[in-house]
Structures are given as C-alpha cells and as structure tokens.
C-alpha cells in the first residue's frame, strides 16, 4: 500500500496521524436509508425513479457525518417535499453487489401511515422522482427490483423487533 502525506498532516506516530492513515486505508461501505410509508389500506409508497426502471422506497445514500435516521428524513423532504417522522427501525438489510454497484447496508425505517393524497400533495424533485405510487403486495413483483420484492414481502408480514436481512431475506 502506498500512502502519501501532506505538509499539514499529523505525523503518523501520533494518535491523530495513526487514525488518519487507518481512515484512508480501511474499506468503506455505502449506507442507505429508506422509509416505509403505508396508507390506511396497507399499501406501500414507492417512488418511480427517473434513473432506473424499478420503483423504490423513498430514501437515499447517507451523507458523511449524517445518521441513517437523519438521512431518510432529509431525503424525503428533498425528493418528495414532505416532512416525515421516523417511528422505528424495521430492518437492516445487507445488499450484495448489483448492476455495477458495490455492496451496501440499508437501514429501513417505519415512517408511519399517510393519507392517500400524499401522492398528489408531494412536491417531487424532477431530477430524481418521476411519480409516487401506492402499491399493494400483489403489484410488487412487476414494479420493484428482486431484492426489494423480497424485502417488502418480508416487511409487510413482519410484526416483530428490528430484523437483520441479507439481500432482503432474514439472515438470523
């Protein structure tokens, strides 16, 4: 491994220098935060995205120094123009590499129940979101990626504590 140092970097024999070297060399993993919003009929809110064919849960990639819970609130505000409250953590889902993306860890939060008019009241960020849809379990297969189909099928029937999943399936 080749490391370089700038003049103002802490010396490697100091605590700060040692930590900086480790931070530069240790692997990083994308963290994703998404939210499950349901309507009174139990349907799930999905985003029709501009940049991919499959619909997805609202949310996005966690920014540096941002918690996953803060991220999902921010992403929903930025992309849908609505305020949400995180109720609980439903699942942590490890995602294997897919379509050129490296693996990631997704934090799936319960964002509560909303009225059906949310889809017309929302102010969508057109660069990312084409439309919002309420989707029932019977429609999932034709609308979402396989890993989200597994995730949502599990979550729609799960009423227990926070679940640990791998690729949308219970792993513990």
N, C-alpha and C. Protein backbone atom coordinates (compact mmCIF):
# COMPACT_ATOMS: atom_id res chain seq x y z
N UNK A 1 0.84 -1.16 0.00
CA UNK A 1 0.00 0.00 0.00
C UNK A 1 0.89 1.24 0.00
N UNK A 2 0.53 2.20 -0.83
CA UNK A 2 1.29 3.44 -0.91
C UNK A 2 0.47 4.54 -0.26
N UNK A 3 1.07 5.20 0.69
CA UNK A 3 0.43 6.32 1.36
C UNK A 3 1.26 7.57 1.12
N UNK A 4 0.60 8.68 1.01
CA UNK A 4 1.32 9.93 0.88
C UNK A 4 0.85 10.86 1.99
N UNK A 5 1.66 11.84 2.29
CA UNK A 5 1.32 12.77 3.36
C UNK A 5 1.48 14.19 2.86
N UNK A 6 0.63 15.05 3.35
CA UNK A 6 0.74 16.47 3.06
C UNK A 6 1.48 17.14 4.21
N UNK A 7 2.01 18.32 3.96
CA UNK A 7 2.78 19.02 4.99
C UNK A 7 1.99 19.24 6.27
N UNK A 8 0.67 19.47 6.14
CA UNK A 8 -0.09 19.76 7.35
C UNK A 8 -0.76 18.52 7.97
N UNK A 9 -0.45 17.32 7.45
CA UNK A 9 -0.97 16.09 8.05
C UNK A 9 -0.28 15.83 9.39
N UNK A 10 -1.02 15.26 10.32
CA UNK A 10 -0.43 14.89 11.60
C UNK A 10 0.60 13.79 11.37
N UNK A 11 1.71 13.81 12.10
CA UNK A 11 2.73 12.76 11.94
C UNK A 11 2.14 11.38 12.24
N UNK A 12 2.57 10.35 11.51
CA UNK A 12 1.98 9.02 11.68
C UNK A 12 2.19 8.41 13.06
N UNK A 13 3.18 8.85 13.82
CA UNK A 13 3.41 8.29 15.15
C UNK A 13 2.49 8.90 16.21
N UNK A 14 1.68 9.92 15.83
CA UNK A 14 0.73 10.50 16.77
C UNK A 14 -0.62 9.79 16.63
N UNK A 15 -1.46 9.94 17.63
CA UNK A 15 -2.80 9.34 17.59
C UNK A 15 -3.57 9.83 16.36
N UNK A 16 -3.57 11.15 16.13
CA UNK A 16 -4.30 11.72 15.00
C UNK A 16 -3.76 11.22 13.67
N UNK A 17 -2.44 11.12 13.56
CA UNK A 17 -1.84 10.63 12.32
C UNK A 17 -2.15 9.17 12.07
N UNK A 18 -2.11 8.36 13.13
CA UNK A 18 -2.43 6.93 13.01
C UNK A 18 -3.88 6.74 12.56
N UNK A 19 -4.81 7.47 13.21
CA UNK A 19 -6.22 7.37 12.84
C UNK A 19 -6.44 7.83 11.40
N UNK A 20 -5.78 8.91 11.00
CA UNK A 20 -5.92 9.41 9.63
C UNK A 20 -5.45 8.37 8.62
N UNK A 21 -4.35 7.68 8.91
CA UNK A 21 -3.86 6.64 8.00
C UNK A 21 -4.85 5.49 7.91
N UNK A 22 -5.40 5.07 9.05
CA UNK A 22 -6.38 3.99 9.02
C UNK A 22 -7.64 4.41 8.27
N UNK A 23 -8.13 5.62 8.52
CA UNK A 23 -9.31 6.09 7.81
C UNK A 23 -9.09 6.11 6.30
N UNK A 24 -7.88 6.42 5.87
CA UNK A 24 -7.58 6.46 4.44
C UNK A 24 -7.46 5.06 3.84
N UNK A 25 -7.12 4.07 4.66
CA UNK A 25 -6.84 2.74 4.13
C UNK A 25 -7.95 1.73 4.35
N UNK A 26 -8.78 1.93 5.38
CA UNK A 26 -9.82 0.94 5.67
C UNK A 26 -10.93 0.99 4.63
N UNK A 27 -11.59 -0.14 4.41
CA UNK A 27 -12.67 -0.15 3.42
C UNK A 27 -13.85 0.70 3.88
N UNK A 28 -14.58 1.21 2.92
CA UNK A 28 -15.79 1.95 3.22
C UNK A 28 -16.97 1.21 2.60
N UNK A 29 -18.13 1.41 3.14
CA UNK A 29 -19.34 0.76 2.65
C UNK A 29 -20.42 1.82 2.55
N UNK A 30 -21.15 1.79 1.44
CA UNK A 30 -22.28 2.72 1.30
C UNK A 30 -23.33 2.39 2.34
N UNK A 31 -23.88 3.42 2.93
CA UNK A 31 -25.02 3.26 3.83
C UNK A 31 -26.21 3.93 3.15
N UNK A 32 -27.33 3.24 3.16
CA UNK A 32 -28.55 3.71 2.53
C UNK A 32 -29.62 3.78 3.61
N UNK A 33 -30.45 4.80 3.57
CA UNK A 33 -31.58 4.91 4.50
C UNK A 33 -32.85 5.05 3.68
N UNK A 34 -33.82 4.17 3.95
CA UNK A 34 -35.09 4.21 3.23
C UNK A 34 -36.23 4.12 4.24
N UNK A 35 -37.40 4.57 3.80
CA UNK A 35 -38.54 4.57 4.69
C UNK A 35 -39.74 3.88 4.09
N UNK A 36 -40.49 3.20 4.96
CA UNK A 36 -41.74 2.56 4.57
C UNK A 36 -42.88 3.46 5.06
N UNK A 37 -43.62 4.00 4.09
CA UNK A 37 -44.83 4.77 4.37
C UNK A 37 -45.99 3.94 3.87
N UNK A 38 -47.00 3.75 4.71
CA UNK A 38 -48.18 2.98 4.31
C UNK A 38 -49.40 3.89 4.28
N UNK A 39 -50.40 3.47 3.52
CA UNK A 39 -51.69 4.16 3.60
C UNK A 39 -52.63 3.33 4.46
N UNK A 40 -53.85 3.79 4.65
CA UNK A 40 -54.80 3.10 5.53
C UNK A 40 -55.12 1.69 5.04
N UNK A 41 -54.98 1.45 3.74
CA UNK A 41 -55.25 0.13 3.18
C UNK A 41 -54.05 -0.81 3.29
N UNK A 42 -52.92 -0.31 3.81
CA UNK A 42 -51.72 -1.14 3.96
C UNK A 42 -50.80 -1.12 2.75
N UNK A 43 -51.15 -0.33 1.73
CA UNK A 43 -50.27 -0.23 0.57
C UNK A 43 -49.03 0.57 0.93
N UNK A 44 -47.94 0.34 0.19
CA UNK A 44 -46.65 0.97 0.45
C UNK A 44 -46.41 2.06 -0.59
N UNK A 45 -45.84 3.18 -0.14
CA UNK A 45 -45.49 4.27 -1.04
C UNK A 45 -44.18 3.94 -1.75
N UNK A 46 -44.20 3.96 -3.07
CA UNK A 46 -43.00 3.73 -3.87
C UNK A 46 -42.76 4.91 -4.79
N UNK A 47 -41.48 5.16 -5.06
CA UNK A 47 -41.07 6.23 -5.95
C UNK A 47 -40.76 5.65 -7.33
N UNK A 48 -41.35 6.25 -8.35
CA UNK A 48 -40.99 5.93 -9.73
C UNK A 48 -39.81 6.83 -10.06
N UNK A 49 -38.64 6.23 -10.22
CA UNK A 49 -37.40 6.99 -10.35
C UNK A 49 -37.09 7.32 -11.80
N UNK A 50 -36.41 8.42 -12.01
CA UNK A 50 -36.00 8.86 -13.34
C UNK A 50 -34.85 8.00 -13.86
N UNK A 51 -33.96 7.57 -12.99
CA UNK A 51 -32.70 6.97 -13.39
C UNK A 51 -32.67 5.44 -13.37
N UNK A 52 -33.78 4.78 -13.05
CA UNK A 52 -33.82 3.32 -13.16
C UNK A 52 -35.24 2.86 -13.41
N UNK A 53 -35.37 1.66 -13.93
CA UNK A 53 -36.68 1.14 -14.31
C UNK A 53 -37.53 0.74 -13.12
N UNK A 54 -36.91 0.20 -12.09
CA UNK A 54 -37.65 -0.31 -10.94
C UNK A 54 -38.05 0.83 -10.01
N UNK A 55 -39.21 0.69 -9.39
CA UNK A 55 -39.64 1.64 -8.38
C UNK A 55 -38.94 1.29 -7.07
N UNK A 56 -38.85 2.25 -6.17
CA UNK A 56 -38.09 2.04 -4.93
C UNK A 56 -38.75 2.79 -3.77
N UNK A 57 -38.35 2.39 -2.58
CA UNK A 57 -38.78 3.10 -1.37
C UNK A 57 -38.16 4.49 -1.36
N UNK A 58 -38.82 5.46 -0.74
CA UNK A 58 -38.19 6.77 -0.60
C UNK A 58 -36.96 6.68 0.30
N UNK A 59 -35.95 7.47 -0.02
CA UNK A 59 -34.72 7.48 0.76
C UNK A 59 -33.53 7.71 -0.13
N UNK A 60 -32.34 7.40 0.40
CA UNK A 60 -31.14 7.60 -0.39
C UNK A 60 -29.89 7.26 0.39
N UNK A 61 -28.76 7.71 -0.16
CA UNK A 61 -27.45 7.42 0.42
C UNK A 61 -27.18 8.37 1.58
N UNK A 62 -26.69 7.81 2.66
CA UNK A 62 -26.36 8.58 3.86
C UNK A 62 -25.11 9.42 3.58
N UNK A 63 -25.20 10.71 3.86
CA UNK A 63 -24.06 11.61 3.68
C UNK A 63 -23.04 11.40 4.80
N UNK A 64 -21.77 11.80 4.58
CA UNK A 64 -20.78 11.72 5.66
C UNK A 64 -21.27 12.50 6.88
N UNK A 65 -21.06 11.93 8.04
CA UNK A 65 -21.39 12.52 9.34
C UNK A 65 -22.90 12.70 9.55
N UNK A 66 -23.71 12.00 8.78
CA UNK A 66 -25.16 12.04 8.92
C UNK A 66 -25.63 10.67 9.39
N UNK A 67 -26.56 10.64 10.31
CA UNK A 67 -27.08 9.34 10.76
C UNK A 67 -28.10 8.84 9.73
N UNK A 68 -28.31 7.52 9.67
CA UNK A 68 -29.33 6.99 8.76
C UNK A 68 -30.72 7.58 9.01
N UNK A 69 -31.10 7.78 10.27
CA UNK A 69 -32.42 8.36 10.56
C UNK A 69 -32.51 9.80 10.05
N UNK A 70 -31.45 10.57 10.23
CA UNK A 70 -31.44 11.93 9.69
C UNK A 70 -31.52 11.90 8.17
N UNK A 71 -30.84 10.95 7.57
CA UNK A 71 -30.81 10.84 6.11
C UNK A 71 -32.20 10.61 5.53
N UNK A 72 -32.95 9.66 6.07
CA UNK A 72 -34.25 9.35 5.47
C UNK A 72 -35.19 10.55 5.59
N UNK A 73 -35.13 11.27 6.69
CA UNK A 73 -35.96 12.47 6.85
C UNK A 73 -35.54 13.52 5.81
N UNK A 74 -34.24 13.74 5.66
CA UNK A 74 -33.73 14.72 4.69
C UNK A 74 -34.09 14.33 3.26
N UNK A 75 -33.87 13.07 2.92
CA UNK A 75 -34.14 12.62 1.55
C UNK A 75 -35.62 12.76 1.20
N UNK A 76 -36.51 12.40 2.12
CA UNK A 76 -37.95 12.53 1.86
C UNK A 76 -38.32 14.00 1.70
N UNK A 77 -37.75 14.86 2.52
CA UNK A 77 -38.01 16.30 2.41
C UNK A 77 -37.51 16.82 1.06
N UNK A 78 -36.27 16.47 0.68
CA UNK A 78 -35.68 16.97 -0.57
C UNK A 78 -36.37 16.42 -1.81
N UNK A 79 -36.67 15.13 -1.81
CA UNK A 79 -37.16 14.48 -3.02
C UNK A 79 -38.68 14.49 -3.15
N UNK A 80 -39.41 14.53 -2.02
CA UNK A 80 -40.87 14.48 -2.07
C UNK A 80 -41.52 15.77 -1.55
N UNK A 81 -40.74 16.59 -0.87
CA UNK A 81 -41.28 17.84 -0.36
C UNK A 81 -42.24 17.67 0.81
N UNK A 82 -42.12 16.58 1.55
CA UNK A 82 -42.98 16.36 2.71
C UNK A 82 -42.12 16.05 3.93
N UNK A 83 -42.66 16.37 5.08
CA UNK A 83 -41.98 16.08 6.35
C UNK A 83 -42.47 14.75 6.88
N UNK A 84 -41.54 13.94 7.37
CA UNK A 84 -41.88 12.65 7.97
C UNK A 84 -41.21 12.54 9.33
N UNK A 85 -41.70 11.61 10.10
CA UNK A 85 -41.12 11.32 11.42
C UNK A 85 -40.74 9.85 11.45
N UNK A 86 -39.52 9.58 11.86
CA UNK A 86 -39.07 8.19 11.99
C UNK A 86 -39.73 7.59 13.21
N UNK A 87 -40.43 6.48 13.01
CA UNK A 87 -41.14 5.81 14.12
C UNK A 87 -40.28 4.72 14.75
N UNK A 88 -39.65 3.91 13.88
CA UNK A 88 -38.81 2.83 14.38
C UNK A 88 -37.93 2.31 13.25
N UNK A 89 -36.94 1.53 13.62
CA UNK A 89 -36.08 0.85 12.65
C UNK A 89 -36.68 -0.52 12.40
N UNK A 90 -37.14 -0.76 11.17
CA UNK A 90 -37.76 -2.04 10.83
C UNK A 90 -36.73 -3.12 10.54
N UNK A 91 -35.68 -2.75 9.78
CA UNK A 91 -34.72 -3.77 9.36
C UNK A 91 -33.40 -3.12 8.97
N UNK A 92 -32.34 -3.92 9.08
CA UNK A 92 -31.04 -3.62 8.50
C UNK A 92 -30.84 -4.68 7.43
N UNK A 93 -30.58 -4.25 6.21
CA UNK A 93 -30.52 -5.16 5.07
C UNK A 93 -29.18 -5.01 4.36
N UNK A 94 -28.36 -6.06 4.38
CA UNK A 94 -27.12 -6.04 3.62
C UNK A 94 -27.45 -6.36 2.17
N UNK A 95 -26.95 -5.52 1.27
CA UNK A 95 -27.18 -5.70 -0.16
C UNK A 95 -25.89 -6.11 -0.85
N UNK A 96 -25.88 -7.24 -1.55
CA UNK A 96 -24.68 -7.64 -2.28
C UNK A 96 -24.48 -6.74 -3.50
N UNK A 97 -23.31 -6.82 -4.14
CA UNK A 97 -23.11 -6.03 -5.36
C UNK A 97 -24.23 -6.32 -6.37
N UNK A 98 -24.63 -5.26 -7.09
CA UNK A 98 -25.74 -5.40 -8.04
C UNK A 98 -25.59 -4.36 -9.15
N UNK A 99 -25.61 -4.82 -10.38
CA UNK A 99 -25.57 -3.94 -11.57
C UNK A 99 -24.46 -2.90 -11.49
N UNK A 100 -23.28 -3.31 -11.09
CA UNK A 100 -22.15 -2.40 -11.03
C UNK A 100 -21.97 -1.66 -9.72
N UNK A 101 -22.97 -1.70 -8.85
CA UNK A 101 -22.85 -1.06 -7.54
C UNK A 101 -22.15 -2.01 -6.58
N UNK A 102 -21.33 -1.46 -5.68
CA UNK A 102 -20.71 -2.29 -4.65
C UNK A 102 -21.76 -2.63 -3.59
N UNK A 103 -21.38 -3.49 -2.67
CA UNK A 103 -22.33 -3.87 -1.62
C UNK A 103 -22.64 -2.66 -0.74
N UNK A 104 -23.74 -2.76 0.00
CA UNK A 104 -24.18 -1.65 0.84
C UNK A 104 -24.97 -2.18 2.02
N UNK A 105 -25.15 -1.33 3.00
CA UNK A 105 -26.01 -1.63 4.14
C UNK A 105 -27.17 -0.65 4.11
N UNK A 106 -28.39 -1.18 4.09
CA UNK A 106 -29.59 -0.34 4.06
C UNK A 106 -30.30 -0.39 5.40
N UNK A 107 -30.66 0.77 5.90
CA UNK A 107 -31.43 0.90 7.12
C UNK A 107 -32.86 1.25 6.70
N UNK A 108 -33.82 0.39 7.05
CA UNK A 108 -35.20 0.57 6.62
C UNK A 108 -36.03 1.01 7.82
N UNK A 109 -36.61 2.21 7.72
CA UNK A 109 -37.35 2.81 8.83
C UNK A 109 -38.85 2.81 8.57
N UNK A 110 -39.61 2.70 9.65
CA UNK A 110 -41.06 2.88 9.59
C UNK A 110 -41.33 4.38 9.68
N UNK A 111 -42.00 4.92 8.64
CA UNK A 111 -42.34 6.33 8.61
C UNK A 111 -43.83 6.56 8.83
N UNK A 112 -44.53 5.51 9.26
CA UNK A 112 -45.92 5.66 9.65
C UNK A 112 -46.92 5.53 8.52
N UNK A 113 -48.15 5.95 8.82
CA UNK A 113 -49.27 5.86 7.88
C UNK A 113 -49.58 7.28 7.39
N UNK A 114 -49.79 7.41 6.09
CA UNK A 114 -50.13 8.71 5.50
C UNK A 114 -51.44 8.58 4.73
N UNK A 115 -52.08 9.71 4.49
CA UNK A 115 -53.32 9.69 3.72
C UNK A 115 -52.99 9.49 2.23
N UNK A 116 -53.96 8.99 1.49
CA UNK A 116 -53.76 8.68 0.07
C UNK A 116 -53.37 9.91 -0.74
N UNK A 117 -53.77 11.09 -0.30
CA UNK A 117 -53.50 12.32 -1.06
C UNK A 117 -52.03 12.73 -1.02
N UNK A 118 -51.22 12.03 -0.25
CA UNK A 118 -49.79 12.35 -0.20
C UNK A 118 -49.19 12.37 -1.61
N UNK A 119 -49.61 11.45 -2.47
CA UNK A 119 -49.02 11.37 -3.81
C UNK A 119 -49.35 12.61 -4.65
N UNK A 120 -50.46 13.26 -4.40
CA UNK A 120 -50.78 14.48 -5.15
C UNK A 120 -50.30 15.74 -4.44
N UNK A 121 -50.12 15.67 -3.14
CA UNK A 121 -49.66 16.80 -2.34
C UNK A 121 -48.14 16.98 -2.41
N UNK A 122 -47.42 15.93 -2.70
CA UNK A 122 -45.96 15.96 -2.70
C UNK A 122 -45.43 16.89 -3.79
N UNK A 123 -44.29 17.50 -3.51
CA UNK A 123 -43.58 18.31 -4.49
C UNK A 123 -42.33 17.53 -4.88
N UNK A 124 -42.38 16.87 -6.02
CA UNK A 124 -41.31 15.95 -6.41
C UNK A 124 -40.10 16.69 -6.96
N UNK A 125 -38.93 16.15 -6.66
CA UNK A 125 -37.68 16.65 -7.23
C UNK A 125 -37.55 15.99 -8.61
N UNK A 126 -37.79 16.72 -9.70
CA UNK A 126 -37.88 16.10 -11.02
C UNK A 126 -36.58 15.47 -11.51
N UNK A 127 -35.46 15.85 -10.93
CA UNK A 127 -34.18 15.26 -11.33
C UNK A 127 -34.08 13.79 -10.92
N UNK A 128 -34.88 13.38 -9.91
CA UNK A 128 -34.79 12.01 -9.41
C UNK A 128 -36.11 11.26 -9.41
N UNK A 129 -37.22 11.95 -9.12
CA UNK A 129 -38.51 11.27 -8.92
C UNK A 129 -39.49 11.67 -10.02
N UNK A 130 -40.00 10.68 -10.74
CA UNK A 130 -40.98 10.92 -11.80
C UNK A 130 -42.40 10.97 -11.22
N UNK A 131 -42.70 10.05 -10.30
CA UNK A 131 -44.05 9.97 -9.74
C UNK A 131 -44.00 9.14 -8.46
N UNK A 132 -45.08 9.23 -7.68
CA UNK A 132 -45.27 8.41 -6.48
C UNK A 132 -46.47 7.51 -6.70
N UNK A 133 -46.41 6.31 -6.11
CA UNK A 133 -47.49 5.35 -6.28
C UNK A 133 -47.72 4.59 -4.97
N UNK A 134 -49.00 4.33 -4.66
CA UNK A 134 -49.34 3.40 -3.58
C UNK A 134 -49.42 2.02 -4.21
N UNK A 135 -48.66 1.07 -3.66
CA UNK A 135 -48.56 -0.26 -4.27
C UNK A 135 -48.92 -1.32 -3.24
N UNK A 136 -49.81 -2.23 -3.65
CA UNK A 136 -50.17 -3.36 -2.82
C UNK A 136 -49.23 -4.52 -3.05
N UNK A 137 -49.28 -5.48 -2.15
CA UNK A 137 -48.37 -6.63 -2.22
C UNK A 137 -48.46 -7.36 -3.55
N UNK A 138 -49.66 -7.44 -4.12
CA UNK A 138 -49.86 -8.16 -5.38
C UNK A 138 -49.18 -7.48 -6.57
N UNK A 139 -48.84 -6.21 -6.46
CA UNK A 139 -48.20 -5.47 -7.55
C UNK A 139 -46.68 -5.42 -7.45
N UNK A 140 -46.12 -5.82 -6.33
CA UNK A 140 -44.69 -5.62 -6.10
C UNK A 140 -43.82 -6.28 -7.15
N UNK A 141 -44.13 -7.50 -7.52
CA UNK A 141 -43.26 -8.25 -8.44
C UNK A 141 -43.03 -7.51 -9.75
N UNK A 142 -44.05 -6.83 -10.24
CA UNK A 142 -43.91 -6.15 -11.53
C UNK A 142 -43.32 -4.75 -11.41
N UNK A 143 -43.11 -4.25 -10.20
CA UNK A 143 -42.69 -2.86 -10.03
C UNK A 143 -41.31 -2.65 -9.41
N UNK A 144 -40.84 -3.59 -8.61
CA UNK A 144 -39.59 -3.36 -7.87
C UNK A 144 -38.54 -4.39 -8.25
N UNK A 145 -37.28 -4.08 -7.94
CA UNK A 145 -36.17 -5.00 -8.17
C UNK A 145 -36.37 -6.23 -7.29
N UNK A 146 -35.78 -7.37 -7.68
CA UNK A 146 -35.96 -8.60 -6.91
C UNK A 146 -35.60 -8.46 -5.43
N UNK A 147 -34.52 -7.75 -5.11
CA UNK A 147 -34.14 -7.62 -3.69
C UNK A 147 -35.19 -6.82 -2.92
N UNK A 148 -35.81 -5.83 -3.55
CA UNK A 148 -36.87 -5.08 -2.88
C UNK A 148 -38.16 -5.87 -2.79
N UNK A 149 -38.39 -6.73 -3.75
CA UNK A 149 -39.56 -7.62 -3.68
C UNK A 149 -39.45 -8.51 -2.44
N UNK A 150 -38.26 -9.09 -2.24
CA UNK A 150 -38.04 -9.94 -1.06
C UNK A 150 -38.16 -9.12 0.23
N UNK A 151 -37.53 -7.95 0.24
CA UNK A 151 -37.57 -7.08 1.42
C UNK A 151 -39.00 -6.70 1.77
N UNK A 152 -39.75 -6.21 0.80
CA UNK A 152 -41.12 -5.75 1.09
C UNK A 152 -42.05 -6.89 1.43
N UNK A 153 -41.88 -8.04 0.78
CA UNK A 153 -42.71 -9.20 1.14
C UNK A 153 -42.47 -9.58 2.60
N UNK A 154 -41.21 -9.53 3.03
CA UNK A 154 -40.90 -9.82 4.43
C UNK A 154 -41.50 -8.76 5.35
N UNK A 155 -41.26 -7.48 5.04
CA UNK A 155 -41.69 -6.41 5.93
C UNK A 155 -43.20 -6.31 6.05
N UNK A 156 -43.93 -6.59 4.98
CA UNK A 156 -45.38 -6.48 5.03
C UNK A 156 -45.99 -7.51 5.98
N UNK A 157 -45.28 -8.61 6.22
CA UNK A 157 -45.79 -9.62 7.14
C UNK A 157 -45.11 -9.64 8.49
N UNK A 158 -44.08 -8.82 8.67
CA UNK A 158 -43.27 -8.84 9.90
C UNK A 158 -43.84 -7.88 10.93
N UNK A 159 -44.05 -8.36 12.12
CA UNK A 159 -44.55 -7.52 13.21
C UNK A 159 -43.67 -7.63 14.45
N UNK A 160 -42.45 -8.06 14.26
CA UNK A 160 -41.57 -8.28 15.40
C UNK A 160 -40.57 -7.17 15.58
N UNK A 161 -39.48 -7.47 16.28
CA UNK A 161 -38.43 -6.48 16.50
C UNK A 161 -37.66 -6.22 15.20
N UNK A 162 -36.73 -5.30 15.27
CA UNK A 162 -35.89 -4.99 14.11
C UNK A 162 -35.28 -6.28 13.56
N UNK A 163 -35.35 -6.44 12.26
CA UNK A 163 -34.85 -7.66 11.61
C UNK A 163 -33.51 -7.39 10.94
N UNK A 164 -32.67 -8.42 10.93
CA UNK A 164 -31.43 -8.36 10.15
C UNK A 164 -31.65 -9.21 8.91
N UNK A 165 -31.45 -8.59 7.74
CA UNK A 165 -31.67 -9.27 6.47
C UNK A 165 -30.41 -9.23 5.63
N UNK A 166 -30.30 -10.20 4.74
CA UNK A 166 -29.26 -10.18 3.71
C UNK A 166 -29.95 -10.39 2.38
N UNK A 167 -29.82 -9.39 1.51
CA UNK A 167 -30.46 -9.41 0.19
C UNK A 167 -31.97 -9.58 0.31
N UNK A 168 -32.55 -8.96 1.34
CA UNK A 168 -33.99 -8.97 1.52
C UNK A 168 -34.56 -10.17 2.24
N UNK A 169 -33.71 -11.09 2.67
CA UNK A 169 -34.18 -12.30 3.35
C UNK A 169 -33.65 -12.35 4.78
N UNK A 170 -34.44 -12.87 5.72
CA UNK A 170 -33.96 -12.99 7.11
C UNK A 170 -32.67 -13.81 7.16
N UNK A 171 -31.69 -13.29 7.89
CA UNK A 171 -30.39 -13.97 7.97
C UNK A 171 -30.09 -14.46 9.37
N UNK A 172 -30.91 -14.13 10.33
CA UNK A 172 -30.70 -14.60 11.71
C UNK A 172 -31.96 -15.26 12.22
